[in-house]
Amino acid sequence: MYRFAPVAAWFVALGSLAHAQTVDFELRTYPLCPIVFAGGSARTPAPGVPARQFVTIQNGSKRTAAAVTFQQTVSQGSKTGIVAIERVAIVIPPGEKRRVSMAVADMSGRLESARQSGESPGRPVLSVVAVEFLDGTGWNAPTGTGAAAAKE
């Protein structure tokens, strides 16, 4: 029985890779955000893990970052909803770039339901909403009307 376990595991892994979702996120950065996206895309799937993708970020501040919180949103008509929030603990010295892996929510169901309801689904957006520094300080994205001023 144990002879077939590696073969079965291989087929399960192959099947999950075949259904890997690659989401084309719009990368947004808030004004004065100390962490910026350094790569042009968040589409690179993490190998062997279909629900995770890589994104490259850069610390633009003069302090060492200890953690970054990402937010995934998608708009449906005139409403924008938060799909997922993930905190990634990673030490990034000033000026350094790091490639991080993050969980990606299943957007296909949300986008399809928007299409079926006759509304045009918006493009999923990935943004940095909070940064924690090693010195105990932090940065948070603006809320309210300032949140709408996020730029690419």
C-alpha atoms as a PDB file:
ATOM      1  CA  MET A   1       0.000   0.000   0.000  1.00  0.00           C
ATOM      2  CA  TYR A   2       2.828   2.414   0.826  1.00  0.00           C
ATOM      3  CA  ARG A   3       4.344   1.835  -2.625  1.00  0.00           C
ATOM      4  CA  PHE A   4       1.547   3.854  -4.207  1.00  0.00           C
ATOM      5  CA  ALA A   5       1.574   6.786  -1.777  1.00  0.00           C
ATOM      6  CA  PRO A   6       4.275   8.757  -3.666  1.00  0.00           C
ATOM      7  CA  VAL A   7       2.442   8.233  -6.968  1.00  0.00           C
ATOM      8  CA  ALA A   8      -0.889   9.335  -5.468  1.00  0.00           C
ATOM      9  CA  ALA A   9       0.745  12.408  -3.921  1.00  0.00           C
ATOM     10  CA  TRP A  10       2.252  13.283  -7.281  1.00  0.00           C
ATOM     11  CA  PHE A  11      -1.153  13.138  -9.017  1.00  0.00           C
ATOM     12  CA  VAL A  12      -2.764  15.261  -6.301  1.00  0.00           C
ATOM     13  CA  ALA A  13      -0.002  17.868  -6.632  1.00  0.00           C
ATOM     14  CA  LEU A  14      -0.261  17.798 -10.429  1.00  0.00           C
ATOM     15  CA  GLY A  15      -4.030  18.277 -10.268  1.00  0.00           C
ATOM     16  CA  SER A  16      -3.761  21.216  -7.909  1.00  0.00           C
ATOM     17  CA  LEU A  17      -1.144  22.868 -10.130  1.00  0.00           C
ATOM     18  CA  ALA A  18      -3.383  22.466 -13.149  1.00  0.00           C
ATOM     19  CA  HIS A  19      -6.068  24.480 -11.364  1.00  0.00           C
ATOM     20  CA  ALA A  20      -3.692  27.129 -10.034  1.00  0.00           C
ATOM     21  CA  GLN A  21      -5.298  30.541 -10.150  1.00  0.00           C
ATOM     22  CA  THR A  22      -3.179  33.402 -11.381  1.00  0.00           C
ATOM     23  CA  VAL A  23      -4.820  36.703 -10.517  1.00  0.00           C
ATOM     24  CA  ASP A  24      -3.873  39.840 -12.395  1.00  0.00           C
ATOM     25  CA  PHE A  25      -3.878  42.338  -9.516  1.00  0.00           C
ATOM     26  CA  GLU A  26      -3.654  46.060  -9.964  1.00  0.00           C
ATOM     27  CA  LEU A  27      -0.872  47.115  -7.595  1.00  0.00           C
ATOM     28  CA  ARG A  28      -1.671  50.336  -5.718  1.00  0.00           C
ATOM     29  CA  THR A  29       0.471  52.388  -3.382  1.00  0.00           C
ATOM     30  CA  TYR A  30      -0.878  55.021  -1.012  1.00  0.00           C
ATOM     31  CA  PRO A  31       0.901  58.389  -0.838  1.00  0.00           C
ATOM     32  CA  LEU A  32       3.731  58.410   1.732  1.00  0.00           C
ATOM     33  CA  CYS A  33       3.659  54.601   2.054  1.00  0.00           C
ATOM     34  CA  PRO A  34       7.118  53.428   3.175  1.00  0.00           C
ATOM     35  CA  ILE A  35       6.797  50.105   1.309  1.00  0.00           C
ATOM     36  CA  VAL A  36       6.317  50.207  -2.460  1.00  0.00           C
ATOM     37  CA  PHE A  37       5.866  47.529  -5.088  1.00  0.00           C
ATOM     38  CA  ALA A  38       9.166  47.028  -6.888  1.00  0.00           C
ATOM     39  CA  GLY A  39       7.996  44.518  -9.475  1.00  0.00           C
ATOM     40  CA  GLY A  40       5.517  45.200 -12.207  1.00  0.00           C
ATOM     41  CA  SER A  41       3.262  42.271 -11.451  1.00  0.00           C
ATOM     42  CA  ALA A  42       1.716  40.121  -8.755  1.00  0.00           C
ATOM     43  CA  ARG A  43       0.940  37.329 -11.197  1.00  0.00           C
ATOM     44  CA  THR A  44       3.848  34.990 -10.487  1.00  0.00           C
ATOM     45  CA  PRO A  45       2.409  31.942  -8.744  1.00  0.00           C
ATOM     46  CA  ALA A  46       4.416  30.343  -5.962  1.00  0.00           C
ATOM     47  CA  PRO A  47       5.622  26.940  -7.205  1.00  0.00           C
ATOM     48  CA  GLY A  48       3.591  24.008  -5.900  1.00  0.00           C
ATOM     49  CA  VAL A  49       1.157  26.184  -3.959  1.00  0.00           C
ATOM     50  CA  PRO A  50      -1.681  27.412  -6.187  1.00  0.00           C
ATOM     51  CA  ALA A  51      -3.270  29.689  -3.572  1.00  0.00           C
ATOM     52  CA  ARG A  52      -0.124  31.813  -3.122  1.00  0.00           C
ATOM     53  CA  GLN A  53       1.617  34.316  -5.352  1.00  0.00           C
ATOM     54  CA  PHE A  54       4.865  36.270  -5.241  1.00  0.00           C
ATOM     55  CA  VAL A  55       5.186  40.036  -5.203  1.00  0.00           C
ATOM     56  CA  THR A  56       8.365  42.142  -4.918  1.00  0.00           C
ATOM     57  CA  ILE A  57       8.354  45.040  -2.462  1.00  0.00           C
ATOM     58  CA  GLN A  58      10.944  47.657  -1.516  1.00  0.00           C
ATOM     59  CA  ASN A  59      11.445  49.533   1.744  1.00  0.00           C
ATOM     60  CA  GLY A  60      11.575  53.210   0.818  1.00  0.00           C
ATOM     61  CA  SER A  61      11.935  54.464   4.396  1.00  0.00           C
ATOM     62  CA  LYS A  62      15.012  55.028   6.563  1.00  0.00           C
ATOM     63  CA  ARG A  63      13.857  52.478   9.151  1.00  0.00           C
ATOM     64  CA  THR A  64      13.894  48.684   9.073  1.00  0.00           C
ATOM     65  CA  ALA A  65      10.455  47.196   8.443  1.00  0.00           C
ATOM     66  CA  ALA A  66       9.402  44.164  10.489  1.00  0.00           C
ATOM     67  CA  ALA A  67       6.007  43.347   8.945  1.00  0.00           C
ATOM     68  CA  VAL A  68       3.797  44.421   6.056  1.00  0.00           C
ATOM     69  CA  THR A  69       0.010  44.079   5.865  1.00  0.00           C
ATOM     70  CA  PHE A  70      -1.511  43.599   2.414  1.00  0.00           C
ATOM     71  CA  GLN A  71      -5.153  44.083   1.457  1.00  0.00           C
ATOM     72  CA  GLN A  72      -6.932  42.520  -1.515  1.00  0.00           C
ATOM     73  CA  THR A  73     -10.063  44.280  -2.754  1.00  0.00           C
ATOM     74  CA  VAL A  74     -12.385  43.931  -5.720  1.00  0.00           C
ATOM     75  CA  SER A  75     -15.078  46.282  -6.925  1.00  0.00           C
ATOM     76  CA  GLN A  76     -18.511  45.225  -8.050  1.00  0.00           C
ATOM     77  CA  GLY A  77     -20.417  48.077  -9.601  1.00  0.00           C
ATOM     78  CA  SER A  78     -19.972  51.117  -7.382  1.00  0.00           C
ATOM     79  CA  LYS A  79     -19.037  49.067  -4.287  1.00  0.00           C
ATOM     80  CA  THR A  80     -15.564  47.954  -3.295  1.00  0.00           C
ATOM     81  CA  GLY A  81     -15.202  45.029  -0.934  1.00  0.00           C
ATOM     82  CA  ILE A  82     -12.259  43.708   1.015  1.00  0.00           C
ATOM     83  CA  VAL A  83     -11.573  40.137  -0.016  1.00  0.00           C
ATOM     84  CA  ALA A  84      -8.548  39.344   2.145  1.00  0.00           C
ATOM     85  CA  ILE A  85      -6.052  40.923   4.509  1.00  0.00           C
ATOM     86  CA  GLU A  86      -2.704  39.271   5.194  1.00  0.00           C
ATOM     87  CA  ARG A  87       0.145  40.294   7.470  1.00  0.00           C
ATOM     88  CA  VAL A  88       3.572  39.144   6.297  1.00  0.00           C
ATOM     89  CA  ALA A  89       6.322  39.212   8.923  1.00  0.00           C
ATOM     90  CA  ILE A  90       9.573  39.979   7.101  1.00  0.00           C
ATOM     91  CA  VAL A  91      12.605  42.092   8.007  1.00  0.00           C
ATOM     92  CA  ILE A  92      13.434  44.581   5.256  1.00  0.00           C
ATOM     93  CA  PRO A  93      16.336  47.011   5.856  1.00  0.00           C
ATOM     94  CA  PRO A  94      16.072  50.543   4.408  1.00  0.00           C
ATOM     95  CA  GLY A  95      16.284  50.580   0.608  1.00  0.00           C
ATOM     96  CA  GLU A  96      16.214  46.778   0.290  1.00  0.00           C
ATOM     97  CA  LYS A  97      13.904  44.716  -1.915  1.00  0.00           C
ATOM     98  CA  ARG A  98      12.276  41.454  -0.897  1.00  0.00           C
ATOM     99  CA  ARG A  99      10.119  38.982  -2.757  1.00  0.00           C
ATOM    100  CA  VAL A 100       7.278  37.803  -0.543  1.00  0.00           C
ATOM    101  CA  SER A 101       4.697  35.091  -0.944  1.00  0.00           C
ATOM    102  CA  MET A 102       1.120  35.905  -0.049  1.00  0.00           C
ATOM    103  CA  ALA A 103      -2.154  34.036   0.056  1.00  0.00           C
ATOM    104  CA  VAL A 104      -4.495  34.867  -2.784  1.00  0.00           C
ATOM    105  CA  ALA A 105      -8.240  34.708  -2.281  1.00  0.00           C
ATOM    106  CA  ASP A 106     -10.300  32.874  -4.877  1.00  0.00           C
ATOM    107  CA  MET A 107     -11.482  35.759  -7.021  1.00  0.00           C
ATOM    108  CA  SER A 108     -13.100  33.681  -9.757  1.00  0.00           C
ATOM    109  CA  GLY A 109     -16.389  33.263  -7.872  1.00  0.00           C
ATOM    110  CA  ARG A 110     -16.693  36.974  -7.079  1.00  0.00           C
ATOM    111  CA  LEU A 111     -15.857  38.057 -10.607  1.00  0.00           C
ATOM    112  CA  GLU A 112     -18.286  35.540 -12.121  1.00  0.00           C
ATOM    113  CA  SER A 113     -21.150  36.577  -9.808  1.00  0.00           C
ATOM    114  CA  ALA A 114     -20.580  40.209 -10.811  1.00  0.00           C
ATOM    115  CA  ARG A 115     -20.754  39.247 -14.496  1.00  0.00           C
ATOM    116  CA  GLN A 116     -23.955  37.247 -13.946  1.00  0.00           C
ATOM    117  CA  SER A 117     -25.620  40.139 -12.122  1.00  0.00           C
ATOM    118  CA  GLY A 118     -24.969  42.387 -15.100  1.00  0.00           C
ATOM    119  CA  GLU A 119     -22.417  44.571 -13.345  1.00  0.00           C
ATOM    120  CA  SER A 120     -18.953  44.954 -14.714  1.00  0.00           C
ATOM    121  CA  PRO A 121     -16.493  43.410 -12.272  1.00  0.00           C
ATOM    122  CA  GLY A 122     -13.538  45.563 -11.383  1.00  0.00           C
ATOM    123  CA  ARG A 123      -9.979  44.416 -11.486  1.00  0.00           C
ATOM    124  CA  PRO A 124      -8.735  43.004  -8.168  1.00  0.00           C
ATOM    125  CA  VAL A 125      -6.486  45.459  -6.320  1.00  0.00           C
ATOM    126  CA  LEU A 126      -3.557  44.648  -4.050  1.00  0.00           C
ATOM    127  CA  SER A 127      -2.258  47.364  -1.739  1.00  0.00           C
ATOM    128  CA  VAL A 128      -0.088  47.826   1.341  1.00  0.00           C
ATOM    129  CA  VAL A 129      -2.279  49.085   4.200  1.00  0.00           C
ATOM    130  CA  ALA A 130       0.057  48.871   7.204  1.00  0.00           C
ATOM    131  CA  VAL A 131       3.777  48.653   7.961  1.00  0.00           C
ATOM    132  CA  GLU A 132       5.358  47.818  11.300  1.00  0.00           C
ATOM    133  CA  PHE A 133       8.954  48.850  11.993  1.00  0.00           C
ATOM    134  CA  LEU A 134      11.536  47.223  14.264  1.00  0.00           C
ATOM    135  CA  ASP A 135      11.608  50.317  16.483  1.00  0.00           C
ATOM    136  CA  GLY A 136       7.939  49.726  17.388  1.00  0.00           C
ATOM    137  CA  THR A 137       6.476  52.483  15.217  1.00  0.00           C
ATOM    138  CA  GLY A 138       4.159  51.942  12.303  1.00  0.00           C
ATOM    139  CA  TRP A 139       2.440  53.385   9.262  1.00  0.00           C
ATOM    140  CA  ASN A 140      -1.237  52.878   8.339  1.00  0.00           C
ATOM    141  CA  ALA A 141      -3.027  53.679   5.105  1.00  0.00           C
ATOM    142  CA  PRO A 142      -5.317  56.686   5.236  1.00  0.00           C
ATOM    143  CA  THR A 143      -9.015  55.991   5.807  1.00  0.00           C
ATOM    144  CA  GLY A 144     -12.125  57.744   4.559  1.00  0.00           C
ATOM    145  CA  THR A 145     -11.806  60.095   1.609  1.00  0.00           C
ATOM    146  CA  GLY A 146      -7.994  59.887   1.680  1.00  0.00           C
ATOM    147  CA  ALA A 147      -8.216  56.161   0.978  1.00  0.00           C
ATOM    148  CA  ALA A 148      -9.727  56.873  -2.420  1.00  0.00           C
ATOM    149  CA  ALA A 149      -6.603  58.836  -3.358  1.00  0.00           C
ATOM    150  CA  ALA A 150      -4.467  55.699  -3.729  1.00  0.00           C
ATOM    151  CA  LYS A 151      -2.337  55.860  -6.822  1.00  0.00           C
ATOM    152  CA  GLU A 152      -0.672  53.265  -8.969  1.00  0.00           C
END
